[in-house]
Amino acid sequence: MTQLADRVVTDSADIARLTRLIERLPDEGLVELVLVDGSRRSGVVTTRPSLQTFLDPSGREGINAILRFDDLRIENRSCYLWLDEILEIRPIQSDRRDFARPAPGE
């Protein structure tokens, strides 16, 4: 069943852009996101998103994806972002181990 999205993309260049964004979102990776509105969010990628087919409010079918993101400003709460809202992804280097789940045996 197709779900509804605020916006969908259909142009191959736009779909390729979303694909490149997904490639830069590692599972459990610590990143800073720059959104198209100019705002920034820092947090952990809960799970790498995948492209899906959606319908926009006018009934047009297209592609988008939903990112589940643990925003560092919001304690114990995930937020969901449409992938097309992300302009840039910047990895954050951290030596802190509390951003990722421990490896087996730790």
N, C-alpha and C. Protein backbone atom coordinates (compact mmCIF):
# COMPACT_ATOMS: atom_id res chain seq x y z
N MET A 1 0.84 -1.17 0.00
CA MET A 1 0.00 0.00 0.00
C MET A 1 0.89 1.24 0.00
N THR A 2 0.59 2.18 -0.85
CA THR A 2 1.36 3.41 -0.97
C THR A 2 0.96 4.37 0.15
N GLN A 3 1.96 5.00 0.76
CA GLN A 3 1.72 5.96 1.83
C GLN A 3 1.74 7.38 1.28
N LEU A 4 1.28 8.32 2.09
CA LEU A 4 1.26 9.72 1.69
C LEU A 4 2.52 10.43 2.16
N ALA A 5 3.00 11.36 1.37
CA ALA A 5 4.16 12.18 1.71
C ALA A 5 3.83 13.64 1.40
N ASP A 6 4.47 14.53 2.12
CA ASP A 6 4.27 15.96 1.84
C ASP A 6 4.76 16.32 0.45
N ARG A 7 5.89 15.71 0.06
CA ARG A 7 6.48 15.95 -1.26
C ARG A 7 7.05 14.64 -1.79
N VAL A 8 7.04 14.51 -3.09
CA VAL A 8 7.69 13.37 -3.75
C VAL A 8 8.54 13.91 -4.90
N VAL A 9 9.54 13.12 -5.29
CA VAL A 9 10.35 13.49 -6.45
C VAL A 9 10.15 12.44 -7.52
N THR A 10 10.22 12.88 -8.76
CA THR A 10 10.05 11.96 -9.89
C THR A 10 11.20 12.09 -10.89
N ASP A 11 11.89 13.20 -10.87
CA ASP A 11 13.00 13.45 -11.79
C ASP A 11 14.18 12.56 -11.42
N SER A 12 14.84 11.98 -12.41
CA SER A 12 15.95 11.06 -12.15
C SER A 12 17.10 11.74 -11.41
N ALA A 13 17.35 13.02 -11.66
CA ALA A 13 18.41 13.74 -10.95
C ALA A 13 18.06 13.89 -9.47
N ASP A 14 16.81 14.16 -9.17
CA ASP A 14 16.38 14.28 -7.78
C ASP A 14 16.44 12.93 -7.06
N ILE A 15 16.06 11.88 -7.74
CA ILE A 15 16.14 10.53 -7.15
C ILE A 15 17.59 10.16 -6.89
N ALA A 16 18.47 10.52 -7.82
CA ALA A 16 19.91 10.26 -7.63
C ALA A 16 20.45 11.03 -6.43
N ARG A 17 19.98 12.26 -6.23
CA ARG A 17 20.41 13.05 -5.07
C ARG A 17 19.99 12.38 -3.77
N LEU A 18 18.75 11.88 -3.73
CA LEU A 18 18.29 11.17 -2.53
C LEU A 18 19.12 9.91 -2.29
N THR A 19 19.45 9.21 -3.35
CA THR A 19 20.28 8.00 -3.24
C THR A 19 21.65 8.34 -2.66
N ARG A 20 22.25 9.43 -3.12
CA ARG A 20 23.56 9.85 -2.58
C ARG A 20 23.46 10.22 -1.11
N LEU A 21 22.36 10.87 -0.71
CA LEU A 21 22.18 11.20 0.70
C LEU A 21 22.11 9.92 1.54
N ILE A 22 21.37 8.94 1.08
CA ILE A 22 21.24 7.68 1.81
C ILE A 22 22.61 7.03 1.99
N GLU A 23 23.43 7.07 0.96
CA GLU A 23 24.77 6.48 1.05
C GLU A 23 25.63 7.15 2.11
N ARG A 24 25.32 8.39 2.46
CA ARG A 24 26.10 9.14 3.46
C ARG A 24 25.51 9.04 4.86
N LEU A 25 24.46 8.22 5.03
CA LEU A 25 23.81 8.07 6.33
C LEU A 25 24.09 6.67 6.88
N PRO A 26 25.19 6.50 7.61
CA PRO A 26 25.52 5.18 8.14
C PRO A 26 24.62 4.80 9.31
N ASP A 27 24.27 3.51 9.39
CA ASP A 27 23.54 3.02 10.56
C ASP A 27 24.27 3.42 11.82
N GLU A 28 23.55 4.02 12.75
CA GLU A 28 24.09 4.44 14.04
C GLU A 28 25.22 5.44 13.93
N GLY A 29 25.30 6.14 12.79
CA GLY A 29 26.33 7.15 12.59
C GLY A 29 25.96 8.47 13.24
N LEU A 30 26.95 9.14 13.77
CA LEU A 30 26.78 10.45 14.38
C LEU A 30 27.02 11.50 13.29
N VAL A 31 25.99 12.31 13.01
CA VAL A 31 26.07 13.26 11.91
C VAL A 31 25.43 14.59 12.28
N GLU A 32 25.82 15.62 11.52
CA GLU A 32 25.11 16.89 11.55
C GLU A 32 24.38 17.01 10.22
N LEU A 33 23.11 17.34 10.28
CA LEU A 33 22.30 17.54 9.08
C LEU A 33 22.08 19.02 8.87
N VAL A 34 22.24 19.46 7.64
CA VAL A 34 21.87 20.82 7.25
C VAL A 34 20.60 20.65 6.42
N LEU A 35 19.52 21.27 6.87
CA LEU A 35 18.24 21.14 6.19
C LEU A 35 18.05 22.27 5.17
N VAL A 36 17.15 22.06 4.23
CA VAL A 36 16.94 23.05 3.17
C VAL A 36 16.47 24.40 3.71
N ASP A 37 15.87 24.43 4.89
CA ASP A 37 15.44 25.70 5.48
C ASP A 37 16.59 26.42 6.20
N GLY A 38 17.80 25.81 6.17
CA GLY A 38 18.97 26.43 6.79
C GLY A 38 19.23 25.97 8.21
N SER A 39 18.29 25.29 8.82
CA SER A 39 18.50 24.81 10.19
C SER A 39 19.45 23.61 10.20
N ARG A 40 19.97 23.32 11.38
CA ARG A 40 20.91 22.21 11.56
C ARG A 40 20.43 21.33 12.70
N ARG A 41 20.72 20.04 12.55
CA ARG A 41 20.42 19.07 13.60
C ARG A 41 21.59 18.12 13.73
N SER A 42 21.96 17.83 14.97
CA SER A 42 23.02 16.86 15.23
C SER A 42 22.43 15.68 15.97
N GLY A 43 22.85 14.48 15.57
CA GLY A 43 22.33 13.30 16.23
C GLY A 43 22.81 12.02 15.59
N VAL A 44 22.09 10.96 15.91
CA VAL A 44 22.46 9.62 15.47
C VAL A 44 21.42 9.10 14.48
N VAL A 45 21.92 8.56 13.37
CA VAL A 45 21.06 7.91 12.38
C VAL A 45 20.63 6.58 13.00
N THR A 46 19.35 6.45 13.30
CA THR A 46 18.88 5.22 13.94
C THR A 46 19.02 4.04 13.00
N THR A 47 18.52 4.21 11.79
CA THR A 47 18.63 3.19 10.75
C THR A 47 18.72 3.90 9.41
N ARG A 48 19.57 3.42 8.55
CA ARG A 48 19.68 4.02 7.21
C ARG A 48 18.34 3.89 6.49
N PRO A 49 17.83 4.99 5.95
CA PRO A 49 16.54 4.93 5.25
C PRO A 49 16.67 4.26 3.88
N SER A 50 15.54 3.94 3.30
CA SER A 50 15.52 3.42 1.94
C SER A 50 14.45 4.17 1.15
N LEU A 51 14.69 4.29 -0.15
CA LEU A 51 13.73 4.97 -1.02
C LEU A 51 12.44 4.17 -1.07
N GLN A 52 11.32 4.88 -1.07
CA GLN A 52 10.02 4.25 -1.13
C GLN A 52 9.12 5.06 -2.06
N THR A 53 8.06 4.44 -2.50
CA THR A 53 7.08 5.11 -3.34
C THR A 53 5.99 5.70 -2.44
N PHE A 54 5.67 6.95 -2.68
CA PHE A 54 4.64 7.66 -1.92
C PHE A 54 3.73 8.41 -2.88
N LEU A 55 2.61 8.87 -2.37
CA LEU A 55 1.72 9.78 -3.08
C LEU A 55 1.79 11.12 -2.38
N ASP A 56 1.87 12.22 -3.16
CA ASP A 56 1.84 13.54 -2.56
C ASP A 56 0.38 13.96 -2.36
N PRO A 57 0.13 15.11 -1.74
CA PRO A 57 -1.26 15.51 -1.48
C PRO A 57 -2.13 15.63 -2.73
N SER A 58 -1.53 15.86 -3.89
CA SER A 58 -2.33 15.96 -5.12
C SER A 58 -2.51 14.60 -5.80
N GLY A 59 -1.99 13.53 -5.19
CA GLY A 59 -2.15 12.19 -5.75
C GLY A 59 -1.07 11.76 -6.71
N ARG A 60 -0.04 12.59 -6.87
CA ARG A 60 1.08 12.26 -7.76
C ARG A 60 1.98 11.23 -7.08
N GLU A 61 2.33 10.18 -7.79
CA GLU A 61 3.22 9.14 -7.25
C GLU A 61 4.67 9.51 -7.51
N GLY A 62 5.50 9.29 -6.50
CA GLY A 62 6.92 9.58 -6.64
C GLY A 62 7.71 8.94 -5.52
N ILE A 63 8.93 9.41 -5.36
CA ILE A 63 9.90 8.80 -4.45
C ILE A 63 10.26 9.76 -3.33
N ASN A 64 10.46 9.21 -2.15
CA ASN A 64 11.02 9.92 -1.02
C ASN A 64 11.45 8.86 -0.01
N ALA A 65 11.94 9.28 1.14
CA ALA A 65 12.34 8.35 2.20
C ALA A 65 12.19 9.07 3.53
N ILE A 66 12.06 8.29 4.59
CA ILE A 66 11.93 8.83 5.93
C ILE A 66 13.16 8.42 6.74
N LEU A 67 13.80 9.41 7.34
CA LEU A 67 14.95 9.17 8.20
C LEU A 67 14.50 9.20 9.65
N ARG A 68 14.77 8.11 10.37
CA ARG A 68 14.56 8.10 11.82
C ARG A 68 15.87 8.55 12.45
N PHE A 69 15.80 9.60 13.26
CA PHE A 69 16.99 10.31 13.72
C PHE A 69 16.86 10.61 15.20
N ASP A 70 17.86 10.23 15.99
CA ASP A 70 17.89 10.57 17.41
C ASP A 70 18.61 11.90 17.57
N ASP A 71 17.83 12.96 17.65
CA ASP A 71 18.35 14.31 17.75
C ASP A 71 18.99 14.49 19.13
N LEU A 72 20.22 14.98 19.18
CA LEU A 72 20.93 15.14 20.45
C LEU A 72 20.27 16.17 21.36
N ARG A 73 19.44 17.05 20.80
CA ARG A 73 18.76 18.06 21.62
C ARG A 73 17.52 17.52 22.29
N ILE A 74 17.02 16.37 21.82
CA ILE A 74 15.79 15.81 22.34
C ILE A 74 16.13 14.51 23.04
N GLU A 75 16.03 14.48 24.36
CA GLU A 75 16.44 13.31 25.12
C GLU A 75 15.42 12.18 24.97
N ASN A 76 15.93 10.99 24.70
CA ASN A 76 15.11 9.77 24.61
C ASN A 76 13.95 9.88 23.63
N ARG A 77 14.17 10.58 22.52
CA ARG A 77 13.08 10.71 21.56
C ARG A 77 13.64 10.78 20.15
N SER A 78 13.13 9.93 19.30
CA SER A 78 13.49 9.97 17.89
C SER A 78 12.58 10.94 17.17
N CYS A 79 13.12 11.52 16.12
CA CYS A 79 12.29 12.33 15.24
C CYS A 79 12.39 11.73 13.84
N TYR A 80 11.49 12.12 12.99
CA TYR A 80 11.44 11.60 11.63
C TYR A 80 11.55 12.77 10.67
N LEU A 81 12.44 12.63 9.69
CA LEU A 81 12.65 13.68 8.71
C LEU A 81 12.47 13.11 7.31
N TRP A 82 11.84 13.88 6.44
CA TRP A 82 11.78 13.50 5.04
C TRP A 82 13.16 13.72 4.44
N LEU A 83 13.61 12.77 3.67
CA LEU A 83 14.96 12.85 3.11
C LEU A 83 15.14 14.05 2.19
N ASP A 84 14.09 14.44 1.46
CA ASP A 84 14.22 15.58 0.55
C ASP A 84 14.41 16.90 1.29
N GLU A 85 14.21 16.91 2.63
CA GLU A 85 14.42 18.11 3.43
C GLU A 85 15.90 18.31 3.78
N ILE A 86 16.73 17.28 3.54
CA ILE A 86 18.14 17.34 3.91
C ILE A 86 18.95 17.90 2.74
N LEU A 87 19.72 18.92 3.03
CA LEU A 87 20.58 19.53 2.03
C LEU A 87 21.99 18.94 2.07
N GLU A 88 22.49 18.73 3.29
CA GLU A 88 23.87 18.27 3.44
C GLU A 88 24.00 17.40 4.69
N ILE A 89 24.91 16.44 4.63
CA ILE A 89 25.21 15.55 5.76
C ILE A 89 26.68 15.68 6.08
N ARG A 90 26.98 15.98 7.34
CA ARG A 90 28.37 16.11 7.78
C ARG A 90 28.63 15.11 8.90
N PRO A 91 29.55 14.17 8.69
CA PRO A 91 29.88 13.24 9.76
C PRO A 91 30.50 13.98 10.94
N ILE A 92 30.18 13.54 12.14
CA ILE A 92 30.78 14.10 13.35
C ILE A 92 31.70 13.04 13.92
N GLN A 93 32.95 13.41 14.09
CA GLN A 93 33.92 12.49 14.67
C GLN A 93 33.83 12.59 16.18
N SER A 94 33.75 11.44 16.82
CA SER A 94 33.66 11.44 18.27
C SER A 94 34.35 10.21 18.82
N ASP A 95 35.04 10.41 19.92
CA ASP A 95 35.64 9.29 20.63
C ASP A 95 34.69 8.73 21.67
N ARG A 96 33.56 9.39 21.86
CA ARG A 96 32.61 8.94 22.86
C ARG A 96 31.92 7.68 22.39
N ARG A 97 31.90 6.68 23.23
CA ARG A 97 31.32 5.39 22.88
C ARG A 97 29.82 5.34 23.15
N ASP A 98 29.27 6.33 23.84
CA ASP A 98 27.84 6.27 24.19
C ASP A 98 26.94 6.63 23.04
N PHE A 99 27.50 7.00 21.89
CA PHE A 99 26.67 7.29 20.71
C PHE A 99 26.33 6.04 19.93
N ALA A 100 27.02 4.98 20.16
CA ALA A 100 26.80 3.74 19.42
C ALA A 100 26.56 2.60 20.40
N ARG A 101 25.91 1.59 19.93
CA ARG A 101 25.71 0.40 20.75
C ARG A 101 27.03 -0.32 20.92
N PRO A 102 27.24 -0.92 22.07
CA PRO A 102 28.51 -1.66 22.26
C PRO A 102 28.58 -2.87 21.34
N ALA A 103 29.79 -3.18 20.96
CA ALA A 103 30.02 -4.36 20.13
C ALA A 103 29.79 -5.61 20.98
N PRO A 104 29.43 -6.72 20.35
CA PRO A 104 29.22 -7.95 21.12
C PRO A 104 30.44 -8.28 21.95
N GLY A 105 30.22 -8.67 23.19
CA GLY A 105 31.30 -9.05 24.08
C GLY A 105 31.86 -7.90 24.88
N GLU A 106 31.36 -6.68 24.64
CA GLU A 106 31.87 -5.54 25.42
C GLU A 106 31.04 -5.35 26.66
